[in-house]
Amino acid sequence: MLVLVAVFAIPGICALIVFILARPQEFFTLLQRIPFLHLFTGLALVGWILDVRLRRLQLIGAPSLPWVLALFGWALLSCAVIVPDTLIARAIELAILFTIYGTIAHGIQRFRTLQLVAAVLAVACLFISAMCFYEGRSPKECVGGVEAEGGVIGEPDGRECELSETCKVGPEAKSGLDYKCEHVGAFNMYSVEGRVRYIGELNDPNEVSLVISTCGFSMLIAFMLRRHSAPRMVMLGGAVTLVLWTVMMTESRGGLVTAMIVPGVYLVRKYGPRALIFAAAVALPILSMSGRSGESADESTQLRYEAWSAGLQMVHQNPLFGVGPKQFANHHFITAHNSYVLVLAELGFIGLFLFMSVLYITTKTLIVGLRELRDVPGTEVAQVWGMALLASMLGAMFQINTLSFAYHSSTWILIGLSGAWFSCVRTHRPTFNVKMTGRDLAIVAGVVVVYAILILPVFLRRKGY
């Protein structure tokens, strides 16, 4: 416990995770009077500086650090060139994201503190899952407001319903409002087309499924592997069931696949590629019976393809800088619904290369580290958390193909935790190091070019765009 108390950066990091993901300030209005996001960002940063000054932390740079700096620097340059009037706002947003990443990646250098932060992350995801589960099991009520992407933006009026049409009639119905019949949970949170969702950055069912799978499910598996006592397994098994049930209630097709990728990574590492056959045999029936289908799902897919096509048009206008960070929605009526297309459209080819480099070196660090530690006695803890983070990263990299998560806090929390894992291993094994080689750079560049010039255009052309 002395290790935990001695590290000043940890309280700020944990508070940031809770307030960014669980967002208690949305439920208790008194908390909104204080800018907790900026306060805890500053607390984490100051705590890290104190830890370094007191020599409680070493100046160990994560392999992803130079690439994150290059990506954020390029984003600021793109902003300064294309939309200079938004430079200050973008600089503040990127500074917060970098602080989240940087303090996690470099403020955690012991596996005890890594496990503490992972526990906070898992608990935050369990809280989100519980709130969404309660929402999905609650009666339906009329929600009146303005129709927008993702459903109606409004307030429940307390009238129980079964169909949206019944909400539009009666003395309580207000003219000029769009009405939907949705599940209404605690604090007036409500579903969208019957699909559970949260608030803040997670007000979309697909986003909920991604975060609780990659930041919750994978962490819970790691805690189950750490110790095997019966009470602990029962408790964690219940928590896993809650998370997976909530993923099902989001009706997110990508979320279901991500939830299967997480344990699938463990199976592949233990049994090799042949485990994919078993995984596919289990996954296909589940996917066929779950997720959205019908007219609404088809319309969502078509809108997503239209957004990808619009993203290609944007990068054609300026292949070098794109349209500027956070500008996609100013050029198209919905977001990109694809992190890779989003970065390509907003930051150009160089931006996508840097973003892919961050993901590549993060994943490579985990794979190389796990390979080097596999047969080393006494490294069980490192291997458990390395596998959890690898499963999280691979699941996230899959699902952000249909979600705009390039600037999402959870993305940078995962990248930061992967950097922290490197720092923990490096503390105990000073010779451990991972770098981007010329071969790695060629692979990333080749993937970017093939994806942007061949795969994506051909795919969209086949879909009629």
Protein backbone atom coordinates (compact mmCIF):
# COMPACT_ATOMS: atom_id res chain seq x y z
CA MET A 1 0.00 0.00 0.00
CA LEU A 2 2.94 2.36 0.54
CA VAL A 3 3.58 2.31 -3.19
CA LEU A 4 0.04 3.43 -3.89
CA VAL A 5 0.10 6.29 -1.39
CA ALA A 6 3.50 7.52 -2.52
CA VAL A 7 2.51 8.18 -6.12
CA PHE A 8 0.84 11.60 -6.29
CA ALA A 9 -0.32 11.25 -9.88
CA ILE A 10 -2.65 8.32 -9.17
CA PRO A 11 -5.52 10.21 -7.44
CA GLY A 12 -5.78 12.64 -10.36
CA ILE A 13 -5.64 9.82 -12.90
CA CYS A 14 -8.36 7.81 -11.14
CA ALA A 15 -10.57 10.88 -10.71
CA LEU A 16 -10.16 11.72 -14.40
CA ILE A 17 -11.27 8.23 -15.43
CA VAL A 18 -14.36 8.40 -13.21
CA PHE A 19 -15.42 11.89 -14.26
CA ILE A 20 -14.73 11.31 -17.96
CA LEU A 21 -16.53 7.96 -18.26
CA ALA A 22 -19.05 7.67 -15.41
CA ARG A 23 -19.70 11.45 -15.35
CA PRO A 24 -21.23 11.87 -11.86
CA GLN A 25 -21.37 15.61 -12.56
CA GLU A 26 -24.24 14.92 -14.96
CA PHE A 27 -26.35 13.45 -12.16
CA PHE A 28 -25.58 15.94 -9.40
CA THR A 29 -25.93 19.53 -10.57
CA LEU A 30 -23.86 20.88 -7.68
CA LEU A 31 -20.80 19.20 -9.20
CA GLN A 32 -21.29 21.15 -12.42
CA ARG A 33 -20.29 24.38 -10.72
CA ILE A 34 -16.68 23.23 -10.57
CA PRO A 35 -14.70 22.43 -13.76
CA PHE A 36 -13.65 19.01 -12.51
CA LEU A 37 -12.25 17.89 -15.87
CA HIS A 38 -9.72 20.72 -15.90
CA LEU A 39 -9.15 20.42 -12.14
CA PHE A 40 -8.33 16.70 -12.24
CA THR A 41 -6.28 17.14 -15.40
CA GLY A 42 -4.17 19.68 -13.55
CA LEU A 43 -4.05 17.45 -10.46
CA ALA A 44 -2.78 14.48 -12.47
CA LEU A 45 -0.17 16.63 -14.20
CA VAL A 46 1.05 18.29 -11.01
CA GLY A 47 1.10 14.91 -9.26
CA TRP A 48 3.28 13.47 -12.02
CA ILE A 49 5.68 16.42 -11.79
CA LEU A 50 5.93 15.96 -8.02
CA ASP A 51 6.57 12.25 -8.40
CA VAL A 52 9.37 12.95 -10.87
CA ARG A 53 10.88 15.69 -8.70
CA LEU A 54 10.77 13.39 -5.65
CA ARG A 55 12.28 10.58 -7.77
CA ARG A 56 9.33 8.31 -7.15
CA LEU A 57 8.97 7.96 -10.91
CA GLN A 58 11.63 7.52 -13.56
CA LEU A 59 11.64 9.46 -16.79
CA ILE A 60 10.76 6.47 -18.94
CA GLY A 61 9.24 7.45 -22.28
CA ALA A 62 6.65 5.03 -23.64
CA PRO A 63 7.34 3.84 -27.23
CA SER A 64 4.14 5.59 -28.33
CA LEU A 65 5.15 8.98 -26.87
CA PRO A 66 6.99 10.46 -29.89
CA TRP A 67 4.20 9.33 -32.21
CA VAL A 68 1.49 10.80 -30.00
CA LEU A 69 3.42 14.08 -29.87
CA ALA A 70 3.79 14.04 -33.65
CA LEU A 71 0.07 13.30 -34.15
CA PHE A 72 -1.13 16.05 -31.83
CA GLY A 73 1.46 18.45 -33.24
CA TRP A 74 0.26 17.72 -36.77
CA ALA A 75 -3.34 18.23 -35.66
CA LEU A 76 -2.45 21.67 -34.29
CA LEU A 77 -0.56 22.56 -37.46
CA SER A 78 -3.52 21.46 -39.58
CA CYS A 79 -5.81 23.55 -37.40
CA ALA A 80 -3.53 26.60 -37.67
CA VAL A 81 -3.40 26.31 -41.47
CA ILE A 82 -7.02 25.37 -42.25
CA VAL A 83 -9.17 26.75 -39.40
CA PRO A 84 -6.98 29.11 -37.35
CA ASP A 85 -9.97 30.64 -35.54
CA THR A 86 -10.50 27.31 -33.71
CA LEU A 87 -6.85 26.85 -32.74
CA ILE A 88 -7.21 27.77 -29.05
CA ALA A 89 -10.21 25.49 -28.51
CA ARG A 90 -8.51 22.58 -30.29
CA ALA A 91 -5.27 23.17 -28.39
CA ILE A 92 -7.11 22.92 -25.05
CA GLU A 93 -8.92 19.73 -26.10
CA LEU A 94 -5.74 18.09 -27.34
CA ALA A 95 -3.86 19.18 -24.21
CA ILE A 96 -6.47 17.42 -22.06
CA LEU A 97 -6.24 14.25 -24.15
CA PHE A 98 -2.45 14.35 -24.04
CA THR A 99 -2.50 14.81 -20.26
CA ILE A 100 -4.83 11.81 -19.92
CA TYR A 101 -2.53 9.71 -22.08
CA GLY A 102 0.74 11.11 -20.75
CA THR A 103 0.03 10.88 -17.01
CA ILE A 104 -1.33 7.34 -17.33
CA ALA A 105 1.50 6.13 -19.57
CA HIS A 106 4.26 7.75 -17.51
CA GLY A 107 2.72 8.11 -14.03
CA ILE A 108 2.27 4.35 -13.51
CA GLN A 109 5.48 2.34 -13.17
CA ARG A 110 4.48 -0.42 -10.76
CA PHE A 111 2.02 -3.22 -11.38
CA ARG A 112 0.28 -2.45 -8.09
CA THR A 113 -0.64 1.01 -9.29
CA LEU A 114 -1.53 -0.33 -12.74
CA GLN A 115 -3.91 -2.79 -11.08
CA LEU A 116 -5.44 0.00 -8.97
CA VAL A 117 -6.14 2.15 -12.03
CA ALA A 118 -7.49 -0.90 -13.89
CA ALA A 119 -9.82 -1.56 -10.97
CA VAL A 120 -11.12 2.02 -11.08
CA LEU A 121 -11.65 1.68 -14.83
CA ALA A 122 -13.49 -1.62 -14.39
CA VAL A 123 -15.72 -0.21 -11.63
CA ALA A 124 -16.57 2.82 -13.78
CA CYS A 125 -17.57 0.48 -16.61
CA LEU A 126 -19.63 -1.66 -14.22
CA PHE A 127 -21.47 1.44 -13.04
CA ILE A 128 -22.19 2.41 -16.66
CA SER A 129 -23.34 -1.15 -17.38
CA ALA A 130 -25.61 -1.20 -14.33
CA MET A 131 -27.21 2.12 -15.26
CA CYS A 132 -27.78 0.97 -18.84
CA PHE A 133 -29.11 -2.40 -17.70
CA TYR A 134 -31.58 -0.69 -15.37
CA GLU A 135 -32.56 1.61 -18.22
CA GLY A 136 -33.22 -1.33 -20.53
CA ARG A 137 -35.35 -3.13 -17.95
CA SER A 138 -37.40 -0.02 -17.10
CA PRO A 139 -40.88 0.70 -18.54
CA LYS A 140 -41.24 2.73 -21.69
CA GLU A 141 -42.27 6.38 -21.50
CA CYS A 142 -42.95 9.13 -23.98
CA VAL A 143 -39.92 11.26 -24.76
CA GLY A 144 -40.64 14.60 -26.45
CA GLY A 145 -38.06 16.79 -28.11
CA VAL A 146 -36.28 17.44 -31.38
CA GLU A 147 -35.42 14.68 -33.85
CA ALA A 148 -31.65 14.42 -34.39
CA GLU A 149 -28.99 11.88 -35.28
CA GLY A 150 -29.22 9.15 -32.68
CA GLY A 151 -32.88 9.75 -31.80
CA VAL A 152 -34.91 12.43 -30.10
CA ILE A 153 -33.14 14.99 -27.93
CA GLY A 154 -35.61 15.89 -25.23
CA GLU A 155 -37.13 14.89 -21.90
CA PRO A 156 -39.42 12.05 -20.76
CA ASP A 157 -42.85 13.38 -19.79
CA GLY A 158 -43.87 10.49 -17.53
CA ARG A 159 -46.53 8.95 -19.77
CA GLU A 160 -46.16 5.21 -20.16
CA CYS A 161 -46.41 3.88 -23.70
CA GLU A 162 -45.88 0.93 -26.01
CA LEU A 163 -45.77 2.71 -29.38
CA SER A 164 -44.47 6.13 -30.38
CA GLU A 165 -47.78 6.98 -32.07
CA THR A 166 -49.61 6.96 -28.72
CA CYS A 167 -47.30 9.70 -27.43
CA LYS A 168 -48.45 12.13 -30.13
CA VAL A 169 -52.07 12.22 -28.94
CA GLY A 170 -53.74 13.27 -25.72
CA PRO A 171 -53.80 16.46 -23.66
CA GLU A 172 -50.21 15.96 -22.45
CA ALA A 173 -48.79 15.93 -25.98
CA LYS A 174 -47.24 19.25 -26.97
CA SER A 175 -47.46 20.49 -30.52
CA GLY A 176 -44.19 21.00 -32.36
CA LEU A 177 -42.37 18.19 -30.54
CA ASP A 178 -41.20 14.89 -31.97
CA TYR A 179 -42.13 11.95 -29.76
CA LYS A 180 -40.55 8.55 -29.26
CA CYS A 181 -41.50 5.71 -26.92
CA GLU A 182 -38.31 4.71 -25.10
CA HIS A 183 -37.08 2.94 -21.97
CA VAL A 184 -36.47 5.56 -19.27
CA GLY A 185 -33.98 4.76 -16.53
CA ALA A 186 -32.45 6.63 -13.61
CA PHE A 187 -31.88 10.37 -13.86
CA ASN A 188 -34.15 10.48 -16.94
CA MET A 189 -31.65 8.61 -19.11
CA TYR A 190 -33.49 7.01 -22.01
CA SER A 191 -32.85 4.55 -24.80
CA VAL A 192 -32.77 5.20 -28.54
CA GLU A 193 -35.00 2.92 -30.61
CA GLY A 194 -35.06 0.58 -27.61
CA ARG A 195 -31.24 0.37 -27.48
CA VAL A 196 -29.68 1.28 -24.15
CA ARG A 197 -27.16 4.08 -23.95
CA TYR A 198 -25.45 6.32 -21.39
CA ILE A 199 -24.68 10.03 -21.29
CA GLY A 200 -21.78 12.31 -22.17
CA GLU A 201 -19.29 10.71 -24.54
CA LEU A 202 -21.29 7.47 -24.31
CA ASN A 203 -24.69 8.72 -25.46
CA ASP A 204 -24.61 6.27 -28.37
CA PRO A 205 -25.32 2.53 -27.88
CA ASN A 206 -22.34 1.55 -30.06
CA GLU A 207 -20.01 3.69 -27.97
CA VAL A 208 -21.30 2.12 -24.75
CA SER A 209 -20.69 -1.38 -26.11
CA LEU A 210 -17.13 -0.52 -27.16
CA VAL A 211 -16.11 1.05 -23.87
CA ILE A 212 -17.60 -1.55 -21.51
CA SER A 213 -16.13 -4.36 -23.63
CA THR A 214 -12.60 -2.99 -23.99
CA CYS A 215 -12.30 -1.10 -20.70
CA GLY A 216 -14.54 -3.31 -18.56
CA PHE A 217 -14.81 -6.87 -19.85
CA SER A 218 -11.08 -7.27 -20.54
CA MET A 219 -10.12 -5.81 -17.13
CA LEU A 220 -12.54 -8.19 -15.37
CA ILE A 221 -11.01 -11.18 -17.18
CA ALA A 222 -7.59 -10.06 -15.92
CA PHE A 223 -8.82 -9.86 -12.32
CA MET A 224 -10.34 -13.35 -12.69
CA LEU A 225 -6.98 -14.69 -13.87
CA ARG A 226 -5.06 -13.01 -11.05
CA ARG A 227 -6.68 -15.09 -8.27
CA HIS A 228 -9.01 -18.05 -8.41
CA SER A 229 -10.85 -18.13 -5.06
CA ALA A 230 -14.49 -19.23 -5.32
CA PRO A 231 -16.08 -16.04 -3.86
CA ARG A 232 -13.93 -13.87 -6.12
CA MET A 233 -14.84 -15.88 -9.21
CA VAL A 234 -18.55 -15.73 -8.40
CA MET A 235 -18.43 -11.96 -7.90
CA LEU A 236 -16.39 -11.32 -11.04
CA GLY A 237 -18.48 -13.80 -13.01
CA GLY A 238 -21.59 -11.80 -12.08
CA ALA A 239 -19.85 -8.60 -13.17
CA VAL A 240 -18.88 -10.15 -16.53
CA THR A 241 -22.47 -11.32 -17.03
CA LEU A 242 -23.75 -7.79 -16.38
CA VAL A 243 -21.33 -6.29 -18.91
CA LEU A 244 -22.11 -8.85 -21.61
CA TRP A 245 -25.85 -8.58 -21.04
CA THR A 246 -25.58 -4.82 -21.40
CA VAL A 247 -23.66 -5.23 -24.65
CA MET A 248 -26.54 -7.37 -25.90
CA MET A 249 -29.02 -4.66 -24.85
CA THR A 250 -27.16 -2.05 -26.90
CA GLU A 251 -27.97 -4.18 -29.98
CA SER A 252 -24.62 -3.10 -31.40
CA ARG A 253 -23.36 -5.51 -34.05
CA GLY A 254 -19.82 -4.15 -33.78
CA GLY A 255 -20.05 -4.25 -29.99
CA LEU A 256 -20.96 -7.93 -30.03
CA VAL A 257 -17.98 -8.71 -32.26
CA THR A 258 -15.68 -6.68 -29.99
CA ALA A 259 -17.00 -8.53 -26.92
CA MET A 260 -16.06 -11.78 -28.69
CA ILE A 261 -12.65 -10.52 -29.81
CA VAL A 262 -11.60 -9.89 -26.20
CA PRO A 263 -11.73 -13.55 -25.05
CA GLY A 264 -10.81 -14.65 -28.57
CA VAL A 265 -7.36 -13.09 -28.18
CA TYR A 266 -6.74 -15.32 -25.16
CA LEU A 267 -7.85 -18.42 -27.08
CA VAL A 268 -5.58 -17.63 -30.03
CA ARG A 269 -2.58 -17.08 -27.78
CA LYS A 270 -3.15 -20.38 -25.97
CA TYR A 271 -4.30 -22.63 -28.81
CA GLY A 272 -2.98 -20.85 -31.90
CA PRO A 273 -4.84 -19.87 -35.08
CA ARG A 274 -6.98 -23.03 -34.98
CA ALA A 275 -8.88 -21.44 -32.09
CA LEU A 276 -10.38 -19.07 -34.65
CA ILE A 277 -12.41 -21.96 -36.07
CA PHE A 278 -13.99 -22.66 -32.69
CA ALA A 279 -14.50 -18.93 -32.05
CA ALA A 280 -16.26 -18.50 -35.40
CA ALA A 281 -18.51 -21.50 -34.71
CA VAL A 282 -19.60 -19.88 -31.44
CA ALA A 283 -19.80 -16.31 -32.74
CA LEU A 284 -21.84 -16.79 -35.91
CA PRO A 285 -25.01 -18.12 -34.22
CA ILE A 286 -24.85 -15.36 -31.60
CA LEU A 287 -24.44 -12.65 -34.24
CA SER A 288 -27.28 -14.08 -36.32
CA MET A 289 -29.65 -13.88 -33.34
CA SER A 290 -28.44 -10.59 -31.89
CA GLY A 291 -27.78 -7.05 -32.98
CA ARG A 292 -29.96 -4.77 -35.03
CA SER A 293 -31.65 -5.73 -38.24
CA GLY A 294 -34.38 -4.44 -40.47
CA GLU A 295 -35.01 -1.04 -42.02
CA SER A 296 -33.43 1.02 -39.23
CA ALA A 297 -30.17 -0.94 -39.32
CA ASP A 298 -30.02 -0.77 -43.12
CA GLU A 299 -30.57 2.99 -43.07
CA SER A 300 -27.82 3.42 -40.46
CA THR A 301 -25.42 1.42 -42.63
CA GLN A 302 -26.22 3.48 -45.72
CA LEU A 303 -25.70 6.75 -43.83
CA ARG A 304 -22.36 5.43 -42.62
CA TYR A 305 -21.26 4.62 -46.18
CA GLU A 306 -22.36 8.07 -47.28
CA ALA A 307 -20.23 9.63 -44.53
CA TRP A 308 -17.20 7.59 -45.60
CA SER A 309 -17.67 8.75 -49.17
CA ALA A 310 -17.88 12.34 -47.95
CA GLY A 311 -14.65 11.82 -46.01
CA LEU A 312 -12.85 10.74 -49.18
CA GLN A 313 -14.09 13.86 -50.94
CA MET A 314 -12.71 15.99 -48.11
CA VAL A 315 -9.23 14.51 -48.30
CA HIS A 316 -9.25 14.90 -52.09
CA GLN A 317 -9.66 18.65 -51.53
CA ASN A 318 -6.59 18.82 -49.29
CA PRO A 319 -4.58 15.57 -49.11
CA LEU A 320 -1.90 17.17 -46.91
CA PHE A 321 -3.82 18.85 -44.06
CA GLY A 322 -7.40 17.65 -44.58
CA VAL A 323 -10.25 19.90 -43.45
CA GLY A 324 -8.85 20.45 -39.94
CA PRO A 325 -9.43 18.66 -36.60
CA LYS A 326 -13.05 18.42 -35.40
CA GLN A 327 -14.27 19.87 -38.73
CA PHE A 328 -15.84 16.80 -40.34
CA ALA A 329 -19.33 17.68 -39.11
CA ASN A 330 -19.00 21.15 -40.65
CA HIS A 331 -18.63 19.54 -44.09
CA HIS A 332 -21.15 16.71 -43.71
CA PHE A 333 -24.40 16.47 -41.77
CA ILE A 334 -23.24 13.54 -39.59
CA THR A 335 -19.91 12.43 -38.18
CA ALA A 336 -17.65 9.99 -40.05
CA HIS A 337 -18.64 6.88 -38.07
CA ASN A 338 -15.13 5.61 -38.78
CA SER A 339 -12.04 6.78 -36.87
CA TYR A 340 -9.69 6.04 -39.78
CA VAL A 341 -11.83 7.95 -42.28
CA LEU A 342 -12.26 10.75 -39.73
CA VAL A 343 -8.50 11.22 -39.27
CA LEU A 344 -7.87 10.92 -43.01
CA ALA A 345 -10.50 13.57 -43.81
CA GLU A 346 -9.49 15.96 -41.03
CA LEU A 347 -5.69 15.55 -40.95
CA GLY A 348 -4.83 14.20 -44.41
CA PHE A 349 -2.55 11.30 -45.30
CA ILE A 350 0.17 12.31 -42.84
CA GLY A 351 -2.37 12.52 -40.02
CA LEU A 352 -3.66 9.02 -40.76
CA PHE A 353 -0.09 7.72 -40.96
CA LEU A 354 0.68 9.16 -37.51
CA PHE A 355 -2.58 7.87 -36.01
CA MET A 356 -1.97 4.39 -37.40
CA SER A 357 1.62 4.57 -36.11
CA VAL A 358 0.35 5.23 -32.59
CA LEU A 359 -1.94 2.20 -32.77
CA TYR A 360 0.79 0.06 -34.40
CA ILE A 361 3.54 0.80 -31.86
CA THR A 362 1.10 0.40 -28.97
CA THR A 363 0.06 -3.04 -30.18
CA LYS A 364 3.62 -4.03 -31.10
CA THR A 365 4.82 -3.11 -27.59
CA LEU A 366 2.30 -5.47 -26.01
CA ILE A 367 2.98 -8.32 -28.46
CA VAL A 368 6.78 -8.06 -28.17
CA GLY A 369 6.61 -7.75 -24.40
CA LEU A 370 4.35 -10.76 -24.00
CA ARG A 371 6.61 -12.80 -26.28
CA GLU A 372 9.74 -11.90 -24.30
CA LEU A 373 8.08 -12.59 -20.93
CA ARG A 374 6.27 -15.80 -21.89
CA ASP A 375 8.78 -18.24 -20.38
CA VAL A 376 10.29 -15.94 -17.76
CA PRO A 377 9.51 -17.05 -14.16
CA GLY A 378 7.80 -14.49 -11.94
CA THR A 379 6.25 -12.49 -14.77
CA GLU A 380 2.70 -13.83 -14.41
CA VAL A 381 1.30 -10.45 -13.31
CA ALA A 382 2.88 -8.68 -16.27
CA GLN A 383 1.52 -11.29 -18.67
CA VAL A 384 -2.02 -11.09 -17.27
CA TRP A 385 -2.23 -7.33 -17.70
CA GLY A 386 -0.40 -7.39 -21.01
CA MET A 387 -2.96 -9.84 -22.40
CA ALA A 388 -5.85 -7.77 -21.05
CA LEU A 389 -4.55 -4.64 -22.75
CA LEU A 390 -3.76 -6.46 -25.99
CA ALA A 391 -7.32 -7.82 -26.10
CA SER A 392 -8.64 -4.32 -25.40
CA MET A 393 -6.54 -2.70 -28.10
CA LEU A 394 -7.39 -5.27 -30.78
CA GLY A 395 -11.09 -5.04 -29.94
CA ALA A 396 -11.01 -1.24 -30.00
CA MET A 397 -9.07 -1.12 -33.28
CA PHE A 398 -11.76 -3.28 -34.85
CA GLN A 399 -14.80 -1.35 -33.65
CA ILE A 400 -13.45 2.17 -34.24
CA ASN A 401 -13.75 1.23 -37.91
CA THR A 402 -17.43 2.12 -37.45
CA LEU A 403 -17.13 4.77 -34.73
CA SER A 404 -15.54 8.22 -34.55
CA PHE A 405 -13.22 7.51 -31.62
CA ALA A 406 -10.00 9.23 -32.70
CA TYR A 407 -10.46 11.96 -30.07
CA HIS A 408 -12.45 9.86 -27.61
CA SER A 409 -11.10 9.77 -24.06
CA SER A 410 -11.42 5.98 -23.76
CA THR A 411 -9.11 5.53 -26.77
CA TRP A 412 -6.37 7.50 -25.09
CA ILE A 413 -6.97 5.84 -21.73
CA LEU A 414 -6.27 2.46 -23.36
CA ILE A 415 -3.22 3.77 -25.23
CA GLY A 416 -2.02 5.32 -21.98
CA LEU A 417 -2.50 2.09 -20.02
CA SER A 418 -0.54 0.21 -22.68
CA GLY A 419 2.26 2.74 -22.26
CA ALA A 420 2.01 2.28 -18.48
CA TRP A 421 2.40 -1.48 -18.95
CA PHE A 422 5.63 -0.82 -20.86
CA SER A 423 6.83 1.47 -18.04
CA CYS A 424 6.05 -1.23 -15.43
CA VAL A 425 7.93 -3.91 -17.38
CA ARG A 426 10.82 -1.52 -18.02
CA THR A 427 11.08 -0.75 -14.31
CA HIS A 428 11.66 -4.45 -13.56
CA ARG A 429 13.47 -5.24 -16.81
CA PRO A 430 15.58 -2.20 -17.84
CA THR A 431 16.73 -3.84 -21.08
CA PHE A 432 13.18 -4.07 -22.45
CA ASN A 433 12.58 -1.63 -25.29
CA VAL A 434 10.43 -1.43 -28.41
CA LYS A 435 10.91 0.93 -31.35
CA MET A 436 9.47 1.60 -34.77
CA THR A 437 11.88 0.15 -37.32
CA GLY A 438 12.14 1.04 -40.99
CA ARG A 439 10.16 -2.10 -41.76
CA ASP A 440 7.43 -1.00 -39.37
CA LEU A 441 7.22 2.43 -40.97
CA ALA A 442 6.97 0.84 -44.42
CA ILE A 443 4.15 -1.44 -43.21
CA VAL A 444 2.16 1.45 -41.74
CA ALA A 445 2.71 3.65 -44.80
CA GLY A 446 1.66 0.80 -47.07
CA VAL A 447 -1.49 0.13 -45.06
CA VAL A 448 -2.44 3.83 -45.15
CA VAL A 449 -1.95 4.12 -48.90
CA VAL A 450 -3.71 0.86 -49.74
CA TYR A 451 -6.61 1.64 -47.39
CA ALA A 452 -7.14 5.22 -48.60
CA ILE A 453 -6.49 4.73 -52.31
CA LEU A 454 -7.64 1.17 -52.96
CA ILE A 455 -9.66 -0.62 -50.27
CA LEU A 456 -12.01 2.15 -49.14
CA PRO A 457 -12.81 3.58 -52.62
CA VAL A 458 -13.36 0.12 -54.12
CA PHE A 459 -15.56 -0.92 -51.21
CA LEU A 460 -17.68 2.23 -51.50
CA ARG A 461 -17.92 1.87 -55.26
CA ARG A 462 -19.26 -1.64 -54.83
CA LYS A 463 -21.84 -0.27 -52.42
CA GLY A 464 -22.92 2.36 -54.92
CA TYR A 465 -21.07 5.41 -53.57
